[in-house]
Protein backbone atom coordinates (compact mmCIF):
# COMPACT_ATOMS: atom_id res chain seq x y z
CA UNK A 1 122.98 284.44 103.36
CA UNK A 2 125.30 282.87 105.91
CA UNK A 3 128.90 284.08 106.03
CA UNK A 4 131.18 281.21 107.06
CA UNK A 5 134.41 281.49 109.02
CA UNK A 6 136.03 278.59 107.14
CA UNK A 7 135.43 276.90 103.79
CA UNK A 8 134.84 273.55 105.52
CA UNK A 9 131.69 274.98 107.10
CA UNK A 10 130.46 276.12 103.71
CA UNK A 11 130.84 272.76 101.96
CA UNK A 12 129.87 270.40 104.78
CA UNK A 13 126.10 270.69 104.32
CA UNK A 14 124.54 268.62 101.52
CA UNK A 15 122.24 270.04 98.88
CA UNK A 16 118.89 268.29 98.97
CA UNK A 17 117.45 267.94 95.45
CA UNK A 18 114.10 266.51 94.48
CA UNK A 19 114.45 264.23 91.45
CA UNK A 20 110.92 262.86 91.35
CA UNK A 21 107.61 262.82 93.24
CA UNK A 22 109.11 260.79 96.08
CA UNK A 23 112.81 260.62 95.13
CA UNK A 24 115.49 262.89 96.62
CA UNK A 25 119.29 263.06 96.58
CA UNK A 26 121.39 264.48 99.41
CA UNK A 27 124.35 265.68 97.36
CA UNK A 28 127.58 266.41 99.20
CA UNK A 29 130.63 268.08 97.74
CA UNK A 30 132.57 265.74 100.00
CA UNK A 31 130.49 263.85 102.52
CA UNK A 32 132.87 263.22 105.40
CA UNK A 33 133.62 266.88 106.11
CA UNK A 34 130.63 267.28 108.46
CA UNK A 35 131.38 264.21 110.55
CA UNK A 36 135.13 264.93 110.69
CA UNK A 37 134.61 268.51 111.83
CA UNK A 38 132.31 267.35 114.62
CA UNK A 39 134.70 264.56 115.62
CA UNK A 40 137.74 266.85 115.84
CA UNK A 41 135.80 269.56 117.67
CA UNK A 42 134.62 267.07 120.29
CA UNK A 43 138.07 265.52 120.66
CA UNK A 44 139.43 268.99 121.44
CA UNK A 45 136.58 269.80 123.82
CA UNK A 46 137.02 266.50 125.68
CA UNK A 47 140.78 266.95 125.97
CA UNK A 48 141.53 263.80 123.99
CA UNK A 49 143.72 265.88 121.71
CA UNK A 50 145.57 269.10 122.47
CA UNK A 51 145.89 272.28 120.35
CA UNK A 52 148.59 271.81 117.73
CA UNK A 53 148.38 267.99 117.86
CA UNK A 54 149.03 265.77 114.85
CA UNK A 55 146.04 263.78 113.61
CA UNK A 56 146.64 260.72 111.44
CA UNK A 57 144.61 258.26 109.48
CA UNK A 58 144.68 256.10 106.38
CA UNK A 59 142.54 256.94 103.38
CA UNK A 60 142.35 256.62 99.63
CA UNK A 61 139.97 259.49 99.06
CA UNK A 62 137.45 261.82 100.61
CA UNK A 63 138.27 261.18 104.28
CA UNK A 64 141.82 262.41 103.71
CA UNK A 65 140.45 265.67 102.32
CA UNK A 66 137.95 265.99 105.18
CA UNK A 67 140.64 265.46 107.81
CA UNK A 68 142.98 267.93 106.12
CA UNK A 69 140.21 270.55 106.10
CA UNK A 70 139.38 269.93 109.76
CA UNK A 71 143.05 270.24 110.75
CA UNK A 72 143.35 273.43 108.72
CA UNK A 73 140.31 274.92 110.47
CA UNK A 74 141.39 274.00 113.99
CA UNK A 75 145.12 274.66 113.59
CA UNK A 76 146.20 271.02 113.85
CA UNK A 77 148.74 268.96 111.91
CA UNK A 78 147.57 266.24 109.54
CA UNK A 79 149.32 263.08 108.33
CA UNK A 80 147.78 260.69 105.80
CA UNK A 81 148.87 257.15 104.98
CA UNK A 82 147.38 256.56 101.56
CA UNK A 83 147.41 254.13 98.69
CA UNK A 84 148.64 254.87 95.19
CA UNK A 85 144.98 255.39 94.19
CA UNK A 86 145.01 258.91 95.65
CA UNK A 87 144.66 261.01 92.50
CA UNK A 88 146.89 263.95 91.56
CA UNK A 89 144.21 266.61 92.15
CA UNK A 90 143.56 265.43 95.69
CA UNK A 91 147.26 264.96 96.40
CA UNK A 92 148.00 268.56 95.46
CA UNK A 93 145.15 269.89 97.58
CA UNK A 94 146.28 267.90 100.61
CA UNK A 95 149.86 269.12 100.36
CA UNK A 96 148.90 272.76 99.87
CA UNK A 97 146.54 272.50 102.87
CA UNK A 98 149.58 271.52 104.92
CA UNK A 99 148.99 267.79 105.26
CA UNK A 100 151.87 265.35 104.93
CA UNK A 101 151.14 262.29 102.83
CA UNK A 102 152.93 259.01 102.34
CA UNK A 103 151.75 256.34 99.92
CA UNK A 104 152.35 252.63 100.24
CA UNK A 105 153.51 250.68 97.22
CA UNK A 106 150.83 249.31 94.88
CA UNK A 107 149.56 245.87 95.89
CA UNK A 108 147.91 243.05 93.97
CA UNK A 109 144.75 243.09 96.10
CA UNK A 110 142.76 245.52 98.23
CA UNK A 111 143.38 243.37 101.30
CA UNK A 112 147.16 243.47 100.79
CA UNK A 113 147.01 247.24 100.32
CA UNK A 114 145.02 247.72 103.52
CA UNK A 115 147.27 245.38 105.46
CA UNK A 116 150.39 247.27 104.37
CA UNK A 117 148.85 250.54 105.51
CA UNK A 118 147.96 248.94 108.85
CA UNK A 119 151.59 247.99 109.32
CA UNK A 120 152.73 251.52 108.51
CA UNK A 121 150.24 253.04 110.96
CA UNK A 122 151.63 250.79 113.69
CA UNK A 123 155.18 251.87 112.91
CA UNK A 124 154.23 255.54 113.13
CA UNK A 125 152.39 255.08 116.43
CA UNK A 126 155.33 253.19 117.92
CA UNK A 127 157.69 255.98 116.84
CA UNK A 128 155.51 258.80 118.20
CA UNK A 129 152.71 257.84 120.61
CA UNK A 130 151.61 261.51 120.82
CA UNK A 131 150.13 261.29 117.31
CA UNK A 132 146.36 260.80 117.48
CA UNK A 133 144.97 258.10 115.21
CA UNK A 134 141.47 259.14 114.09
CA UNK A 135 140.33 255.57 113.30
CA UNK A 136 137.45 256.56 111.07
CA UNK A 137 136.49 252.91 110.69
CA UNK A 138 136.48 252.04 114.38
CA UNK A 139 135.92 255.10 116.60
CA UNK A 140 132.19 255.78 116.80
CA UNK A 141 132.77 259.48 117.42
CA UNK A 142 132.41 259.71 113.62
CA UNK A 143 128.72 258.81 113.98
CA UNK A 144 127.98 262.08 115.76
CA UNK A 145 128.57 264.33 112.76
CA UNK A 146 125.56 262.98 110.90
CA UNK A 147 123.03 264.17 113.48
CA UNK A 148 122.77 267.64 111.83
CA UNK A 149 122.29 265.98 108.43
CA UNK A 150 119.46 263.91 109.86
CA UNK A 151 117.83 267.06 111.20
CA UNK A 152 118.09 268.64 107.73
CA UNK A 153 116.20 265.68 106.25
CA UNK A 154 113.56 265.84 108.98
CA UNK A 155 113.06 269.56 108.45
CA UNK A 156 112.94 269.32 104.65
CA UNK A 157 111.03 266.13 103.91
CA UNK A 158 107.87 265.56 105.88
CA UNK A 159 104.79 263.44 105.69
CA UNK A 160 105.46 260.06 104.15
CA UNK A 161 107.53 257.23 105.58
CA UNK A 162 111.24 257.60 104.86
CA UNK A 163 113.84 255.27 103.33
CA UNK A 164 117.54 256.22 103.24
CA UNK A 165 119.91 254.59 100.74
CA UNK A 166 123.68 254.88 100.95
CA UNK A 167 126.95 253.13 100.25
CA UNK A 168 128.38 251.26 103.23
CA UNK A 169 132.07 251.98 103.69
CA UNK A 170 133.07 252.86 107.24
CA UNK A 171 129.41 252.49 108.27
CA UNK A 172 129.31 255.99 109.80
CA UNK A 173 127.30 257.92 107.22
CA UNK A 174 124.47 255.43 106.83
CA UNK A 175 124.65 254.24 110.43
CA UNK A 176 124.90 257.74 111.88
CA UNK A 177 121.96 258.96 109.82
CA UNK A 178 119.81 255.97 110.72
CA UNK A 179 120.58 256.29 114.42
CA UNK A 180 119.70 259.99 114.46
CA UNK A 181 116.57 259.63 112.31
CA UNK A 182 115.26 256.68 114.30
CA UNK A 183 115.48 258.74 117.48
CA UNK A 184 112.49 260.58 115.94
CA UNK A 185 110.91 257.68 114.04
CA UNK A 186 112.05 254.08 114.65
CA UNK A 187 110.40 253.01 111.38
CA UNK A 188 112.91 254.88 109.17
CA UNK A 189 114.27 252.31 106.71
CA UNK A 190 117.97 251.96 105.92
CA UNK A 191 119.14 250.33 102.69
CA UNK A 192 122.88 249.74 102.33
CA UNK A 193 124.75 249.40 99.05
CA UNK A 194 127.88 247.27 98.64
CA UNK A 195 130.30 246.33 95.85
CA UNK A 196 130.99 242.72 95.03
CA UNK A 197 134.22 241.49 96.62
CA UNK A 198 133.56 243.23 99.93
CA UNK A 199 133.54 241.20 103.14
CA UNK A 200 131.42 243.71 105.09
CA UNK A 201 128.20 241.89 104.28
CA UNK A 202 129.67 238.53 103.30
CA UNK A 203 130.46 238.95 99.61
CA UNK A 204 134.25 238.58 99.62
CA UNK A 205 134.04 235.34 97.61
CA UNK A 206 132.64 237.02 94.47
CA UNK A 207 135.05 239.18 92.49
CA UNK A 208 133.76 241.95 90.26
CA UNK A 209 135.50 241.77 86.87
CA UNK A 210 135.36 245.58 86.86
CA UNK A 211 136.73 247.09 90.07
CA UNK A 212 136.09 247.36 93.77
CA UNK A 213 134.11 250.58 93.96
CA UNK A 214 136.09 253.23 95.82
CA UNK A 215 134.70 254.43 99.12
CA UNK A 216 132.41 251.51 99.91
CA UNK A 217 133.09 247.94 100.91
CA UNK A 218 136.16 246.50 102.60
CA UNK A 219 138.42 243.47 102.76
CA UNK A 220 138.99 243.88 106.53
CA UNK A 221 136.44 244.26 109.37
CA UNK A 222 135.29 247.71 110.48
CA UNK A 223 133.82 248.09 113.97
CA UNK A 224 131.77 251.10 112.88
CA UNK A 225 129.67 248.92 110.58
CA UNK A 226 126.69 247.93 112.72
CA UNK A 227 124.91 245.31 110.70
CA UNK A 228 121.82 245.45 112.90
CA UNK A 229 120.94 248.92 111.60
CA UNK A 230 120.22 247.81 108.02
CA UNK A 231 116.85 246.71 106.65
CA UNK A 232 118.11 245.68 103.22
CA UNK A 233 121.40 245.28 101.36
CA UNK A 234 122.07 245.62 97.63
CA UNK A 235 125.30 244.44 95.97
CA UNK A 236 125.99 246.30 92.71
CA UNK A 237 128.65 245.65 90.07
CA UNK A 238 130.95 248.26 88.55
CA UNK A 239 129.14 248.15 85.18
CA UNK A 240 125.76 248.77 86.81
CA UNK A 241 127.20 251.50 89.04
CA UNK A 242 128.70 253.18 85.98
CA UNK A 243 125.31 253.04 84.29
CA UNK A 244 123.71 254.64 87.34
CA UNK A 245 126.26 257.47 87.42
CA UNK A 246 125.77 258.23 83.73
CA UNK A 247 121.97 258.11 84.05
CA UNK A 248 122.01 260.44 87.05
CA UNK A 249 124.01 263.03 85.10
CA UNK A 250 122.03 262.61 81.88
CA UNK A 251 118.58 262.63 83.48
CA UNK A 252 119.06 265.06 86.37
CA UNK A 253 122.36 266.92 85.67
CA UNK A 254 123.82 265.60 88.96
CA UNK A 255 127.56 264.97 88.54
CA UNK A 256 128.50 262.54 91.30
CA UNK A 257 130.79 259.61 92.02
CA UNK A 258 130.56 255.91 91.32
CA UNK A 259 129.07 254.85 94.65
CA UNK A 260 126.35 257.44 94.03
CA UNK A 261 125.58 255.76 90.73
CA UNK A 262 125.05 252.48 92.59
CA UNK A 263 122.76 254.22 95.08
CA UNK A 264 120.76 255.92 92.31
CA UNK A 265 120.25 252.57 90.60
CA UNK A 266 118.67 251.22 93.79
CA UNK A 267 116.83 254.42 94.73
CA UNK A 268 115.05 255.04 91.45
CA UNK A 269 113.70 251.50 91.52
CA UNK A 270 112.58 251.79 95.15
CA UNK A 271 110.85 255.10 94.40
CA UNK A 272 108.92 253.58 91.49
CA UNK A 273 107.89 250.45 93.40
CA UNK A 274 106.99 252.20 96.67
CA UNK A 275 105.25 255.51 95.95
CA UNK A 276 103.99 255.68 99.53
CA UNK A 277 107.54 256.28 100.82
CA UNK A 278 109.99 259.13 100.40
CA UNK A 279 113.31 257.77 99.11
CA UNK A 280 116.54 259.69 99.84
CA UNK A 281 119.91 258.50 98.56
CA UNK A 282 123.34 259.82 99.45
CA UNK A 283 125.74 261.31 96.90
CA UNK A 284 129.04 261.18 98.77
CA UNK A 285 131.19 263.27 96.40
CA UNK A 286 131.35 264.87 92.98
CA UNK A 287 132.27 262.99 89.83
CA UNK A 288 135.62 264.65 89.16
CA UNK A 289 137.81 261.75 90.30
CA UNK A 290 135.81 259.40 88.05
CA UNK A 291 136.12 261.33 84.78
CA UNK A 292 138.40 258.80 83.09
CA UNK A 293 137.25 255.62 84.82
CA UNK A 294 133.51 256.21 84.51
CA UNK A 295 132.27 259.24 82.59
CA UNK A 296 134.64 258.84 79.65
CA UNK A 297 132.99 255.43 79.16
CA UNK A 298 129.47 256.85 78.97
CA UNK A 299 128.76 255.10 75.65
CA UNK A 300 129.01 251.76 77.50
CA UNK A 301 126.26 252.67 79.96
CA UNK A 302 123.33 250.28 80.06
CA UNK A 303 119.71 251.43 79.94
CA UNK A 304 118.43 251.69 83.51
CA UNK A 305 115.03 250.28 82.58
CA UNK A 306 116.72 246.98 81.66
CA UNK A 307 118.53 246.56 85.01
CA UNK A 308 116.83 244.48 87.68
CA UNK A 309 118.19 242.89 90.88
CA UNK A 310 118.22 239.21 91.70
CA UNK A 311 116.36 238.80 94.98
CA UNK A 312 118.14 236.36 97.31
CA UNK A 313 117.32 234.93 100.72
CA UNK A 314 120.82 233.88 101.82
CA UNK A 315 124.38 234.99 101.16
CA UNK A 316 125.31 231.76 99.38
CA UNK A 317 122.96 232.84 96.58
CA UNK A 318 124.79 236.08 95.81
CA UNK A 319 125.28 236.61 92.08
CA UNK A 320 126.58 239.33 89.77
CA UNK A 321 125.68 241.91 88.58
CA UNK A 322 123.04 243.03 91.14
CA UNK A 323 121.74 241.12 94.15
CA UNK A 324 119.34 242.32 96.84
CA UNK A 325 118.52 240.77 100.21
CA UNK A 326 116.23 241.68 103.09
CA UNK A 327 118.65 242.10 106.02
CA UNK A 328 115.96 242.83 108.64
CA UNK A 329 118.28 244.65 111.06
CA UNK A 330 120.04 241.40 111.88
CA UNK A 331 123.52 240.91 113.26
CA UNK A 332 125.91 239.40 110.74
CA UNK A 333 126.05 236.05 112.51
CA UNK A 334 122.27 235.78 112.23
CA UNK A 335 122.48 235.90 108.44
CA UNK A 336 125.45 233.65 107.72
CA UNK A 337 128.51 232.07 109.32
CA UNK A 338 131.15 234.68 110.04
CA UNK A 339 133.54 235.13 107.08
CA UNK A 340 137.02 233.73 107.40
CA UNK A 341 139.15 236.81 108.08
CA UNK A 342 142.02 237.74 110.31
CA UNK A 343 140.88 238.65 113.84
CA UNK A 344 140.31 242.35 114.47
CA UNK A 345 143.33 243.88 116.18
CA UNK A 346 143.09 245.50 119.62
CA UNK A 347 141.63 249.05 119.62
CA UNK A 348 145.05 250.73 119.70
CA UNK A 349 146.14 248.78 116.66
CA UNK A 350 142.88 248.52 114.74
CA UNK A 351 142.86 248.03 110.98
CA UNK A 352 142.45 251.05 108.74
CA UNK A 353 141.77 251.72 105.10
C-alpha cells in the first residue's frame, strides 16, 4: 500500500470500475485535483510562480477545491472568486484549508454571473499584479495533468478499440485525455457531453427548462476547448441527466454528480450498440452536492431503456431533451457559423468561470 505525503495525492487518482462487459467508469473523488497539482508543480519548477505566491481563479465547484488542495500542499496562498452556487460544505472546506473566498451577487443568467466574475478578476489583478491567475479555462498547462490518467487507462484496459466519454467544461479533462491517449493510438474516440444552453458547441439558443448542469458547458468562450479533438457530441437535458445519475446509483452503487449521469446515459447506450469497443466514461465528482437537487427527486427519474437521442446532422436541428451529432474532429467554424458572442479578451484578461 502506498503511503502518501499529502491527501491530494491520495484522492487524485480515479477508481476504474467495470460496469459491464465493455463498459467502465473512471470515478474521481474530485477530478481536477490531478491536473491542478501537475499545473502548480510545473509553474513552480519553471519559475512562473514563486514559493509563497498567491494563486487565484474563479470557480463554482470542484476546481476551487482542487486549487485549494494544491496550494495547501505546496505552501501557497489561494484566492477564489466564486458564485453564490458554491455550497456550504465546500465553502467551509475552502476556508479551513486557508483559501480566501469572495462571492459575486446572484445574477439572472449564467452569462451575467460569469461576466461579473471576470470584472472582479480584472480589479484584483490591477490592484496586485503579483497574484497569479491560474486561468483553468485558457492556460493549456491544465492539459498536462491528464497524462497519468491516460496511462492508467492504457495499463488497465487493453485489447479492444477505446472510446472515452466525458462532460466538456473547460475542455482540459476530455481534451487532455484524448491528446495523451492518441499519442499511443490515434484511433481513440472522444465523445463530449454538453448541457443545453451552452455556447461551447453552438447550443446557446436552446434553454433547458431544468438547469444548466454545473461543471460542463459555458456561456463564454474557453480557449482550452479544442473542438477538433471530438468525434461526437451529445447534448443532454437536466431531466435525462438526473435519470442517468439515479440509474448509475441504483444499478451499480456509484454515487456521482449530475454531469456523470449525463455521461452514463450516453455510455451505456454506446456500450450496448458497439460491443467491439471498450467504453470509458468520466465521473468527475461524488454526488454529495446534488443530494437535494437530484437524488432527493429520484422518484421522478425516467426509465433509461425509454431514453433515446435524436440524431442530427447540423446545429440548427438541435432539440431537447437529447441530441447527438457526429462532430468528426472538426473545428467549430466547419460545423456552423460562429456563435454571436463577445470577443475573447486578451490573454491577461481572459474570461473565467
